[in-house]
Amino acid sequence: MEIKQIKYFVETVRRGGMTQASEHLYIAQSTISKAIKSIENEYDITLFDRSQKQIKLTDIGQTFYDNSLEFLALFEKLSLEMNDVMNVQKGHIRIALSPMMNVQLFTDSLNQFHQLYPKVTYEVMEGGGKIVENLTETDEVDIGITTLPVDATLFHSVPLYNEELLLVVSKDHALAQQEKVDLAELKEEEFVLFHDDYYLKDQIIENCKRLGFYPKTVANISQISFIANMISQGIGISVVPESLVHLMGDNVKALKLENAELSWHLGLIWRRDAYLNFVTREWIQFIRDLREK
């Protein structure tokens, strides 16, 4: 029995038939049929109940399928680990992060790491904290950079830094003459909020509700330059991390928020049961070491 025969069998079950499996694998249906028949002949078993119109596993077929999944997962893990041993200077790191972060800090650390491992390549995706967690949990990325805390039963995490969240208004706004403002005073203001996948939006709404009002929303945007342009033109107010205020230009004013239970703690996360290649593990350790300096 060959590994590819097991893969053909598993794909047939997953896709609901040999035709669908052959289309997905770009091979002839007859090749899949022969592979499955070869397994059955070798072990003198019947994997599928062929009296049914749709494929249905026999009892022994279900057992074979369950064990095949475990075998293929183990084989993939072995392949990845062997690749680590053979290519310790190479690799690819997939990262998802929130655009509402100190990008300079991220790129600086990435640049330093790249000096150590110049052959490493990167794929960076952006999204709110909920998207970052989902991409990490579904193994579409290796590492996420998002707000902490996260579900400790799903993810490992390393804290990066904390930031204050500030209210940002146009310099022509009446509040621009102040240095701080109570959140309760913003009941009649129009907010520029982030999209639903951002935990910061949830925090703002919950704080407003705690004070007896729901924030009036003039727009939902996730691009800091767009938010800055709207606010500078007097279209709404917003709450952003302190490090992003300097990116918003000279036509806005940042104020401290009082009576607000807001937090912005960013950190690295990765799935607890995920296999991480050598360079990804090295990058995590590199970030840990940077943080301790």
C-alpha atoms as a PDB file:
ATOM      1  CA  MET A   1       0.000   0.000   0.000  1.00  0.00           C
ATOM      2  CA  GLU A   2       1.312   3.437  -0.959  1.00  0.00           C
ATOM      3  CA  ILE A   3       0.734   6.783   0.728  1.00  0.00           C
ATOM      4  CA  LYS A   4      -0.861   8.212  -2.405  1.00  0.00           C
ATOM      5  CA  GLN A   5      -3.445   5.416  -2.342  1.00  0.00           C
ATOM      6  CA  ILE A   6      -4.414   6.420   1.202  1.00  0.00           C
ATOM      7  CA  LYS A   7      -4.623  10.057   0.108  1.00  0.00           C
ATOM      8  CA  TYR A   8      -6.903   9.138  -2.798  1.00  0.00           C
ATOM      9  CA  PHE A   9      -9.185   7.177  -0.473  1.00  0.00           C
ATOM     10  CA  VAL A  10      -9.363  10.001   2.107  1.00  0.00           C
ATOM     11  CA  GLU A  11     -10.070  12.586  -0.586  1.00  0.00           C
ATOM     12  CA  THR A  12     -12.883  10.426  -1.979  1.00  0.00           C
ATOM     13  CA  VAL A  13     -14.553  10.333   1.435  1.00  0.00           C
ATOM     14  CA  ARG A  14     -14.036  14.061   2.002  1.00  0.00           C
ATOM     15  CA  ARG A  15     -15.385  15.048  -1.415  1.00  0.00           C
ATOM     16  CA  GLY A  16     -18.306  12.648  -1.358  1.00  0.00           C
ATOM     17  CA  GLY A  17     -17.323  10.575  -4.385  1.00  0.00           C
ATOM     18  CA  MET A  18     -14.588   9.532  -6.795  1.00  0.00           C
ATOM     19  CA  THR A  19     -15.688  12.002  -9.467  1.00  0.00           C
ATOM     20  CA  GLN A  20     -15.404  14.944  -7.107  1.00  0.00           C
ATOM     21  CA  ALA A  21     -12.070  13.658  -5.746  1.00  0.00           C
ATOM     22  CA  SER A  22     -10.626  13.241  -9.238  1.00  0.00           C
ATOM     23  CA  GLU A  23     -11.655  16.783 -10.159  1.00  0.00           C
ATOM     24  CA  HIS A  24     -10.064  18.179  -7.010  1.00  0.00           C
ATOM     25  CA  LEU A  25      -6.848  16.178  -7.433  1.00  0.00           C
ATOM     26  CA  TYR A  26      -6.688  16.669 -11.224  1.00  0.00           C
ATOM     27  CA  ILE A  27      -6.271  12.950 -11.899  1.00  0.00           C
ATOM     28  CA  ALA A  28      -8.371  10.381 -13.726  1.00  0.00           C
ATOM     29  CA  GLN A  29     -11.251   8.797 -11.836  1.00  0.00           C
ATOM     30  CA  SER A  30      -9.994   5.388 -12.901  1.00  0.00           C
ATOM     31  CA  THR A  31      -6.713   6.059 -11.065  1.00  0.00           C
ATOM     32  CA  ILE A  32      -8.597   6.665  -7.819  1.00  0.00           C
ATOM     33  CA  SER A  33     -10.798   3.626  -8.370  1.00  0.00           C
ATOM     34  CA  LYS A  34      -7.755   1.378  -8.931  1.00  0.00           C
ATOM     35  CA  ALA A  35      -6.012   2.772  -5.844  1.00  0.00           C
ATOM     36  CA  ILE A  36      -9.001   2.051  -3.590  1.00  0.00           C
ATOM     37  CA  LYS A  37      -9.494  -1.409  -5.112  1.00  0.00           C
ATOM     38  CA  SER A  38      -5.812  -2.131  -4.508  1.00  0.00           C
ATOM     39  CA  ILE A  39      -6.190  -1.370  -0.792  1.00  0.00           C
ATOM     40  CA  GLU A  40      -9.277  -3.574  -0.566  1.00  0.00           C
ATOM     41  CA  ASN A  41      -7.515  -6.473  -2.323  1.00  0.00           C
ATOM     42  CA  GLU A  42      -4.376  -6.154  -0.213  1.00  0.00           C
ATOM     43  CA  TYR A  43      -6.269  -6.391   3.076  1.00  0.00           C
ATOM     44  CA  ASP A  44      -9.250  -8.401   1.808  1.00  0.00           C
ATOM     45  CA  ILE A  45     -11.715  -5.770   2.990  1.00  0.00           C
ATOM     46  CA  THR A  46     -14.573  -3.684   1.538  1.00  0.00           C
ATOM     47  CA  LEU A  47     -14.238   0.042   2.208  1.00  0.00           C
ATOM     48  CA  PHE A  48     -17.486   1.264   0.613  1.00  0.00           C
ATOM     49  CA  ASP A  49     -21.038  -0.021   0.533  1.00  0.00           C
ATOM     50  CA  ARG A  50     -21.443   0.056  -3.254  1.00  0.00           C
ATOM     51  CA  SER A  51     -25.143  -0.813  -3.109  1.00  0.00           C
ATOM     52  CA  GLN A  52     -25.885   2.799  -2.227  1.00  0.00           C
ATOM     53  CA  LYS A  53     -26.220   5.599  -4.800  1.00  0.00           C
ATOM     54  CA  GLN A  54     -23.979   7.833  -2.731  1.00  0.00           C
ATOM     55  CA  ILE A  55     -20.756   6.633  -1.196  1.00  0.00           C
ATOM     56  CA  LYS A  56     -21.145   5.129   2.244  1.00  0.00           C
ATOM     57  CA  LEU A  57     -18.331   3.688   4.325  1.00  0.00           C
ATOM     58  CA  THR A  58     -18.610   0.196   5.714  1.00  0.00           C
ATOM     59  CA  ASP A  59     -17.714  -0.353   9.374  1.00  0.00           C
ATOM     60  CA  ILE A  60     -14.180  -1.394   8.418  1.00  0.00           C
ATOM     61  CA  GLY A  61     -14.096   1.490   5.946  1.00  0.00           C
ATOM     62  CA  GLN A  62     -14.864   3.974   8.723  1.00  0.00           C
ATOM     63  CA  THR A  63     -12.113   2.486  10.877  1.00  0.00           C
ATOM     64  CA  PHE A  64      -9.678   2.636   7.968  1.00  0.00           C
ATOM     65  CA  TYR A  65     -10.661   6.249   7.274  1.00  0.00           C
ATOM     66  CA  ASP A  66     -10.215   7.394  10.884  1.00  0.00           C
ATOM     67  CA  ASN A  67      -6.784   5.793  11.093  1.00  0.00           C
ATOM     68  CA  SER A  68      -5.822   7.144   7.668  1.00  0.00           C
ATOM     69  CA  LEU A  69      -6.460  10.695   8.900  1.00  0.00           C
ATOM     70  CA  GLU A  70      -4.167  10.137  11.877  1.00  0.00           C
ATOM     71  CA  PHE A  71      -1.518   8.541   9.670  1.00  0.00           C
ATOM     72  CA  LEU A  72      -1.535  11.366   7.111  1.00  0.00           C
ATOM     73  CA  ALA A  73      -1.367  13.997   9.853  1.00  0.00           C
ATOM     74  CA  LEU A  74       1.613  12.209  11.391  1.00  0.00           C
ATOM     75  CA  PHE A  75       3.262  11.871   7.987  1.00  0.00           C
ATOM     76  CA  GLU A  76       2.780  15.607   7.320  1.00  0.00           C
ATOM     77  CA  LYS A  77       4.268  16.452  10.715  1.00  0.00           C
ATOM     78  CA  LEU A  78       7.245  14.187  10.014  1.00  0.00           C
ATOM     79  CA  SER A  79       7.779  15.810   6.621  1.00  0.00           C
ATOM     80  CA  LEU A  80       7.710  19.293   8.137  1.00  0.00           C
ATOM     81  CA  GLU A  81      10.129  18.356  10.907  1.00  0.00           C
ATOM     82  CA  MET A  82      12.540  16.738   8.455  1.00  0.00           C
ATOM     83  CA  ASN A  83      12.333  19.856   6.316  1.00  0.00           C
ATOM     84  CA  ASP A  84      13.295  21.892   9.382  1.00  0.00           C
ATOM     85  CA  VAL A  85      16.397  19.774   9.897  1.00  0.00           C
ATOM     86  CA  MET A  86      17.432  20.074   6.257  1.00  0.00           C
ATOM     87  CA  ASN A  87      16.627  23.789   5.855  1.00  0.00           C
ATOM     88  CA  VAL A  88      17.316  25.514   9.160  1.00  0.00           C
ATOM     89  CA  GLN A  89      18.219  28.770   7.398  1.00  0.00           C
ATOM     90  CA  LYS A  90      15.142  28.862   5.182  1.00  0.00           C
ATOM     91  CA  GLY A  91      11.436  28.982   5.748  1.00  0.00           C
ATOM     92  CA  HIS A  92       8.241  30.947   5.387  1.00  0.00           C
ATOM     93  CA  ILE A  93       6.328  32.747   8.145  1.00  0.00           C
ATOM     94  CA  ARG A  94       2.636  33.562   7.766  1.00  0.00           C
ATOM     95  CA  ILE A  95       1.509  36.428   9.965  1.00  0.00           C
ATOM     96  CA  ALA A  96      -1.875  38.080  10.527  1.00  0.00           C
ATOM     97  CA  LEU A  97      -2.010  41.415  12.301  1.00  0.00           C
ATOM     98  CA  SER A  98      -4.262  44.330  13.067  1.00  0.00           C
ATOM     99  CA  PRO A  99      -3.629  47.534  11.110  1.00  0.00           C
ATOM    100  CA  MET A 100      -4.432  49.361  14.365  1.00  0.00           C
ATOM    101  CA  MET A 101      -0.945  48.747  15.768  1.00  0.00           C
ATOM    102  CA  ASN A 102       2.483  50.317  15.932  1.00  0.00           C
ATOM    103  CA  VAL A 103       3.656  49.126  12.511  1.00  0.00           C
ATOM    104  CA  GLN A 104       7.093  50.670  13.009  1.00  0.00           C
ATOM    105  CA  LEU A 105       7.735  48.387  15.966  1.00  0.00           C
ATOM    106  CA  PHE A 106       6.713  45.369  13.901  1.00  0.00           C
ATOM    107  CA  THR A 107       8.797  46.247  10.826  1.00  0.00           C
ATOM    108  CA  ASP A 108      11.841  47.106  12.959  1.00  0.00           C
ATOM    109  CA  SER A 109      11.776  43.705  14.645  1.00  0.00           C
ATOM    110  CA  LEU A 110      11.151  41.987  11.311  1.00  0.00           C
ATOM    111  CA  ASN A 111      14.118  43.788   9.783  1.00  0.00           C
ATOM    112  CA  GLN A 112      16.414  42.705  12.617  1.00  0.00           C
ATOM    113  CA  PHE A 113      15.247  39.105  12.304  1.00  0.00           C
ATOM    114  CA  HIS A 114      15.712  39.222   8.532  1.00  0.00           C
ATOM    115  CA  GLN A 115      19.351  40.150   9.038  1.00  0.00           C
ATOM    116  CA  LEU A 116      19.795  36.834  10.863  1.00  0.00           C
ATOM    117  CA  TYR A 117      17.760  34.787   8.373  1.00  0.00           C
ATOM    118  CA  PRO A 118      17.924  36.552   4.985  1.00  0.00           C
ATOM    119  CA  LYS A 119      16.429  33.580   3.118  1.00  0.00           C
ATOM    120  CA  VAL A 120      13.224  33.587   5.154  1.00  0.00           C
ATOM    121  CA  THR A 121      10.122  34.892   3.361  1.00  0.00           C
ATOM    122  CA  TYR A 122       6.967  36.392   4.846  1.00  0.00           C
ATOM    123  CA  GLU A 123       3.269  36.586   4.127  1.00  0.00           C
ATOM    124  CA  VAL A 124       1.409  39.294   6.053  1.00  0.00           C
ATOM    125  CA  MET A 125      -2.379  39.565   6.242  1.00  0.00           C
ATOM    126  CA  GLU A 126      -4.423  42.301   7.915  1.00  0.00           C
ATOM    127  CA  GLY A 127      -7.676  42.197   9.821  1.00  0.00           C
ATOM    128  CA  GLY A 128      -9.385  42.977  13.085  1.00  0.00           C
ATOM    129  CA  GLY A 129      -8.665  40.917  16.181  1.00  0.00           C
ATOM    130  CA  LYS A 130     -11.514  38.490  15.504  1.00  0.00           C
ATOM    131  CA  ILE A 131     -10.242  37.798  11.986  1.00  0.00           C
ATOM    132  CA  VAL A 132      -6.673  37.424  13.240  1.00  0.00           C
ATOM    133  CA  GLU A 133      -7.795  34.835  15.796  1.00  0.00           C
ATOM    134  CA  ASN A 134      -9.843  32.967  13.201  1.00  0.00           C
ATOM    135  CA  LEU A 135      -6.970  32.858  10.688  1.00  0.00           C
ATOM    136  CA  THR A 136      -4.663  31.559  13.416  1.00  0.00           C
ATOM    137  CA  GLU A 137      -7.129  28.974  14.699  1.00  0.00           C
ATOM    138  CA  THR A 138      -7.838  27.622  11.200  1.00  0.00           C
ATOM    139  CA  ASP A 139      -4.106  27.381  10.416  1.00  0.00           C
ATOM    140  CA  GLU A 140      -4.265  29.922   7.595  1.00  0.00           C
ATOM    141  CA  VAL A 141      -1.451  31.789   9.346  1.00  0.00           C
ATOM    142  CA  ASP A 142       1.225  30.671  11.809  1.00  0.00           C
ATOM    143  CA  ILE A 143       1.259  33.743  14.036  1.00  0.00           C
ATOM    144  CA  GLY A 144      -1.309  36.379  14.919  1.00  0.00           C
ATOM    145  CA  ILE A 145      -0.709  39.811  16.409  1.00  0.00           C
ATOM    146  CA  THR A 146      -3.828  40.946  18.215  1.00  0.00           C
ATOM    147  CA  THR A 147      -5.205  42.327  21.448  1.00  0.00           C
ATOM    148  CA  LEU A 148      -4.830  40.264  24.606  1.00  0.00           C
ATOM    149  CA  PRO A 149      -6.168  38.377  26.422  1.00  0.00           C
ATOM    150  CA  VAL A 150      -7.238  35.533  24.129  1.00  0.00           C
ATOM    151  CA  ASP A 151      -8.718  32.115  24.874  1.00  0.00           C
ATOM    152  CA  ALA A 152      -5.850  30.329  26.655  1.00  0.00           C
ATOM    153  CA  THR A 153      -7.348  26.934  25.836  1.00  0.00           C
ATOM    154  CA  LEU A 154      -6.865  27.671  22.115  1.00  0.00           C
ATOM    155  CA  PHE A 155      -3.767  29.859  21.927  1.00  0.00           C
ATOM    156  CA  HIS A 156      -0.331  30.428  23.360  1.00  0.00           C
ATOM    157  CA  SER A 157       0.512  34.109  23.698  1.00  0.00           C
ATOM    158  CA  VAL A 158       3.416  36.478  24.306  1.00  0.00           C
ATOM    159  CA  PRO A 159       2.644  40.062  25.439  1.00  0.00           C
ATOM    160  CA  LEU A 160       4.248  42.774  23.288  1.00  0.00           C
ATOM    161  CA  TYR A 161       3.257  46.193  24.587  1.00  0.00           C
ATOM    162  CA  ASN A 162       0.452  48.240  26.123  1.00  0.00           C
ATOM    163  CA  GLU A 163      -0.879  51.528  24.798  1.00  0.00           C
ATOM    164  CA  GLU A 164      -3.284  54.183  25.943  1.00  0.00           C
ATOM    165  CA  LEU A 165      -6.405  54.696  23.859  1.00  0.00           C
ATOM    166  CA  LEU A 166      -7.160  58.338  23.101  1.00  0.00           C
ATOM    167  CA  LEU A 167     -10.136  60.250  21.789  1.00  0.00           C
ATOM    168  CA  VAL A 168      -9.362  62.007  18.496  1.00  0.00           C
ATOM    169  CA  VAL A 169     -11.307  65.052  17.291  1.00  0.00           C
ATOM    170  CA  SER A 170     -10.903  67.733  14.662  1.00  0.00           C
ATOM    171  CA  LYS A 171      -8.849  70.751  15.738  1.00  0.00           C
ATOM    172  CA  ASP A 172     -11.953  72.823  15.007  1.00  0.00           C
ATOM    173  CA  HIS A 173     -14.103  70.721  17.332  1.00  0.00           C
ATOM    174  CA  ALA A 174     -15.316  72.338  20.569  1.00  0.00           C
ATOM    175  CA  LEU A 175     -13.583  69.584  22.566  1.00  0.00           C
ATOM    176  CA  ALA A 176     -10.207  70.411  20.994  1.00  0.00           C
ATOM    177  CA  GLN A 177      -9.726  73.135  23.640  1.00  0.00           C
ATOM    178  CA  GLN A 178      -9.625  70.459  26.351  1.00  0.00           C
ATOM    179  CA  GLU A 179      -6.900  67.977  27.330  1.00  0.00           C
ATOM    180  CA  LYS A 180      -9.270  65.338  28.629  1.00  0.00           C
ATOM    181  CA  VAL A 181     -12.958  64.477  28.433  1.00  0.00           C
ATOM    182  CA  ASP A 182     -15.373  62.197  30.277  1.00  0.00           C
ATOM    183  CA  LEU A 183     -16.810  59.510  28.029  1.00  0.00           C
ATOM    184  CA  ALA A 184     -20.297  60.351  29.316  1.00  0.00           C
ATOM    185  CA  GLU A 185     -19.984  63.784  27.680  1.00  0.00           C
ATOM    186  CA  LEU A 186     -19.857  62.173  24.224  1.00  0.00           C
ATOM    187  CA  LYS A 187     -23.476  61.017  24.251  1.00  0.00           C
ATOM    188  CA  GLU A 188     -24.500  63.401  21.462  1.00  0.00           C
ATOM    189  CA  GLU A 189     -21.328  63.007  19.376  1.00  0.00           C
ATOM    190  CA  GLU A 190     -21.083  60.989  16.157  1.00  0.00           C
ATOM    191  CA  PHE A 191     -18.429  58.258  16.218  1.00  0.00           C
ATOM    192  CA  VAL A 192     -16.254  56.867  13.470  1.00  0.00           C
ATOM    193  CA  LEU A 193     -15.955  53.243  14.614  1.00  0.00           C
ATOM    194  CA  PHE A 194     -14.101  50.236  13.300  1.00  0.00           C
ATOM    195  CA  HIS A 195     -15.680  47.241  11.591  1.00  0.00           C
ATOM    196  CA  ASP A 196     -17.305  44.446  13.600  1.00  0.00           C
ATOM    197  CA  ASP A 197     -14.185  42.248  13.524  1.00  0.00           C
ATOM    198  CA  TYR A 198     -12.344  44.735  15.772  1.00  0.00           C
ATOM    199  CA  TYR A 199     -12.510  44.167  19.531  1.00  0.00           C
ATOM    200  CA  LEU A 200     -11.929  47.889  20.051  1.00  0.00           C
ATOM    201  CA  LYS A 201     -15.376  48.578  18.596  1.00  0.00           C
ATOM    202  CA  ASP A 202     -16.902  46.195  21.141  1.00  0.00           C
ATOM    203  CA  GLN A 203     -15.026  47.940  23.954  1.00  0.00           C
ATOM    204  CA  ILE A 204     -16.256  51.389  22.925  1.00  0.00           C
ATOM    205  CA  ILE A 205     -19.871  50.251  22.599  1.00  0.00           C
ATOM    206  CA  GLU A 206     -19.830  48.415  25.952  1.00  0.00           C
ATOM    207  CA  ASN A 207     -18.345  51.440  27.735  1.00  0.00           C
ATOM    208  CA  CYS A 208     -20.962  53.745  26.266  1.00  0.00           C
ATOM    209  CA  LYS A 209     -23.756  51.355  27.225  1.00  0.00           C
ATOM    210  CA  ARG A 210     -22.369  51.224  30.758  1.00  0.00           C
ATOM    211  CA  LEU A 211     -22.867  54.993  30.909  1.00  0.00           C
ATOM    212  CA  GLY A 212     -26.413  54.757  29.602  1.00  0.00           C
ATOM    213  CA  PHE A 213     -26.123  55.489  25.894  1.00  0.00           C
ATOM    214  CA  TYR A 214     -25.327  53.806  22.599  1.00  0.00           C
ATOM    215  CA  PRO A 215     -22.723  55.600  20.442  1.00  0.00           C
ATOM    216  CA  LYS A 216     -24.116  57.312  17.374  1.00  0.00           C
ATOM    217  CA  THR A 217     -22.155  55.934  14.430  1.00  0.00           C
ATOM    218  CA  VAL A 218     -21.504  58.016  11.341  1.00  0.00           C
ATOM    219  CA  ALA A 219     -19.164  55.467   9.705  1.00  0.00           C
ATOM    220  CA  ASN A 220     -17.475  52.078  10.161  1.00  0.00           C
ATOM    221  CA  ILE A 221     -13.938  52.174   8.768  1.00  0.00           C
ATOM    222  CA  SER A 222     -10.718  50.224   9.375  1.00  0.00           C
ATOM    223  CA  GLN A 223      -8.173  52.353   7.497  1.00  0.00           C
ATOM    224  CA  ILE A 224      -6.442  54.859   9.736  1.00  0.00           C
ATOM    225  CA  SER A 225      -5.836  57.353   6.888  1.00  0.00           C
ATOM    226  CA  PHE A 226      -9.543  57.349   6.012  1.00  0.00           C
ATOM    227  CA  ILE A 227     -10.486  57.831   9.675  1.00  0.00           C
ATOM    228  CA  ALA A 228      -8.013  60.714   9.952  1.00  0.00           C
ATOM    229  CA  ASN A 229      -9.417  62.458   6.871  1.00  0.00           C
ATOM    230  CA  MET A 230     -12.994  62.199   8.112  1.00  0.00           C
ATOM    231  CA  ILE A 231     -12.162  63.519  11.570  1.00  0.00           C
ATOM    232  CA  SER A 232      -9.979  66.360  10.266  1.00  0.00           C
ATOM    233  CA  GLN A 233     -12.951  67.463   8.147  1.00  0.00           C
ATOM    234  CA  GLY A 234     -15.214  67.423  11.162  1.00  0.00           C
ATOM    235  CA  ILE A 235     -17.056  64.195  10.315  1.00  0.00           C
ATOM    236  CA  GLY A 236     -17.215  62.416  13.654  1.00  0.00           C
ATOM    237  CA  ILE A 237     -14.785  61.544  16.437  1.00  0.00           C
ATOM    238  CA  SER A 238     -12.924  58.299  17.125  1.00  0.00           C
ATOM    239  CA  VAL A 239     -10.863  56.354  19.661  1.00  0.00           C
ATOM    240  CA  VAL A 240      -7.468  55.045  18.535  1.00  0.00           C
ATOM    241  CA  PRO A 241      -4.208  53.747  20.063  1.00  0.00           C
ATOM    242  CA  GLU A 242      -1.804  56.543  21.028  1.00  0.00           C
ATOM    243  CA  SER A 243       0.920  55.438  18.576  1.00  0.00           C
ATOM    244  CA  LEU A 244      -1.433  56.018  15.641  1.00  0.00           C
ATOM    245  CA  VAL A 245      -2.288  59.611  16.534  1.00  0.00           C
ATOM    246  CA  HIS A 246       0.926  60.975  14.956  1.00  0.00           C
ATOM    247  CA  LEU A 247      -0.052  59.285  11.682  1.00  0.00           C
ATOM    248  CA  MET A 248      -3.293  61.250  11.539  1.00  0.00           C
ATOM    249  CA  GLY A 249      -1.766  64.627  10.697  1.00  0.00           C
ATOM    250  CA  ASP A 250      -1.834  68.076  12.257  1.00  0.00           C
ATOM    251  CA  ASN A 251      -5.553  68.721  11.842  1.00  0.00           C
ATOM    252  CA  VAL A 252      -6.633  66.459  14.697  1.00  0.00           C
ATOM    253  CA  LYS A 253      -6.350  66.706  18.467  1.00  0.00           C
ATOM    254  CA  ALA A 254      -5.985  63.793  20.885  1.00  0.00           C
ATOM    255  CA  LEU A 255      -7.599  63.881  24.329  1.00  0.00           C
ATOM    256  CA  LYS A 256      -7.392  61.576  27.309  1.00  0.00           C
ATOM    257  CA  LEU A 257     -10.596  59.675  28.040  1.00  0.00           C
ATOM    258  CA  GLU A 258     -11.914  59.553  31.578  1.00  0.00           C
ATOM    259  CA  ASN A 259     -14.531  57.194  32.997  1.00  0.00           C
ATOM    260  CA  ALA A 260     -13.658  54.674  30.264  1.00  0.00           C
ATOM    261  CA  GLU A 261     -12.553  51.100  30.874  1.00  0.00           C
ATOM    262  CA  LEU A 262     -10.559  50.676  27.671  1.00  0.00           C
ATOM    263  CA  SER A 263      -7.421  48.594  27.161  1.00  0.00           C
ATOM    264  CA  TRP A 264      -5.027  48.012  24.282  1.00  0.00           C
ATOM    265  CA  HIS A 265      -2.625  45.162  25.074  1.00  0.00           C
ATOM    266  CA  LEU A 266      -1.069  43.662  21.956  1.00  0.00           C
ATOM    267  CA  GLY A 267       0.641  40.297  21.794  1.00  0.00           C
ATOM    268  CA  LEU A 268       1.690  37.370  19.625  1.00  0.00           C
ATOM    269  CA  ILE A 269      -0.636  34.364  19.502  1.00  0.00           C
ATOM    270  CA  TRP A 270      -0.348  30.907  17.962  1.00  0.00           C
ATOM    271  CA  ARG A 271      -2.554  27.831  18.137  1.00  0.00           C
ATOM    272  CA  ARG A 272      -1.733  25.481  20.984  1.00  0.00           C
ATOM    273  CA  ASP A 273      -1.786  22.285  18.931  1.00  0.00           C
ATOM    274  CA  ALA A 274      -0.260  23.754  15.750  1.00  0.00           C
ATOM    275  CA  TYR A 275       3.036  22.624  14.304  1.00  0.00           C
ATOM    276  CA  LEU A 276       5.373  25.596  13.868  1.00  0.00           C
ATOM    277  CA  ASN A 277       8.341  25.372  11.533  1.00  0.00           C
ATOM    278  CA  PHE A 278      11.847  26.194  12.708  1.00  0.00           C
ATOM    279  CA  VAL A 279      11.970  29.831  11.590  1.00  0.00           C
ATOM    280  CA  THR A 280       8.566  30.603  13.117  1.00  0.00           C
ATOM    281  CA  ARG A 281       9.714  29.209  16.467  1.00  0.00           C
ATOM    282  CA  GLU A 282      12.922  31.213  16.125  1.00  0.00           C
ATOM    283  CA  TRP A 283      10.953  34.397  15.422  1.00  0.00           C
ATOM    284  CA  ILE A 284       8.791  33.889  18.513  1.00  0.00           C
ATOM    285  CA  GLN A 285      11.921  33.458  20.628  1.00  0.00           C
ATOM    286  CA  PHE A 286      13.487  36.489  18.933  1.00  0.00           C
ATOM    287  CA  ILE A 287      10.450  38.604  19.886  1.00  0.00           C
ATOM    288  CA  ARG A 288      10.599  37.272  23.442  1.00  0.00           C
ATOM    289  CA  ASP A 289      14.270  38.260  23.697  1.00  0.00           C
ATOM    290  CA  LEU A 290      13.579  41.737  22.273  1.00  0.00           C
ATOM    291  CA  ARG A 291      10.816  42.286  24.783  1.00  0.00           C
ATOM    292  CA  GLU A 292      13.113  41.425  27.702  1.00  0.00           C
ATOM    293  CA  LYS A 293      15.811  43.896  26.613  1.00  0.00           C
END
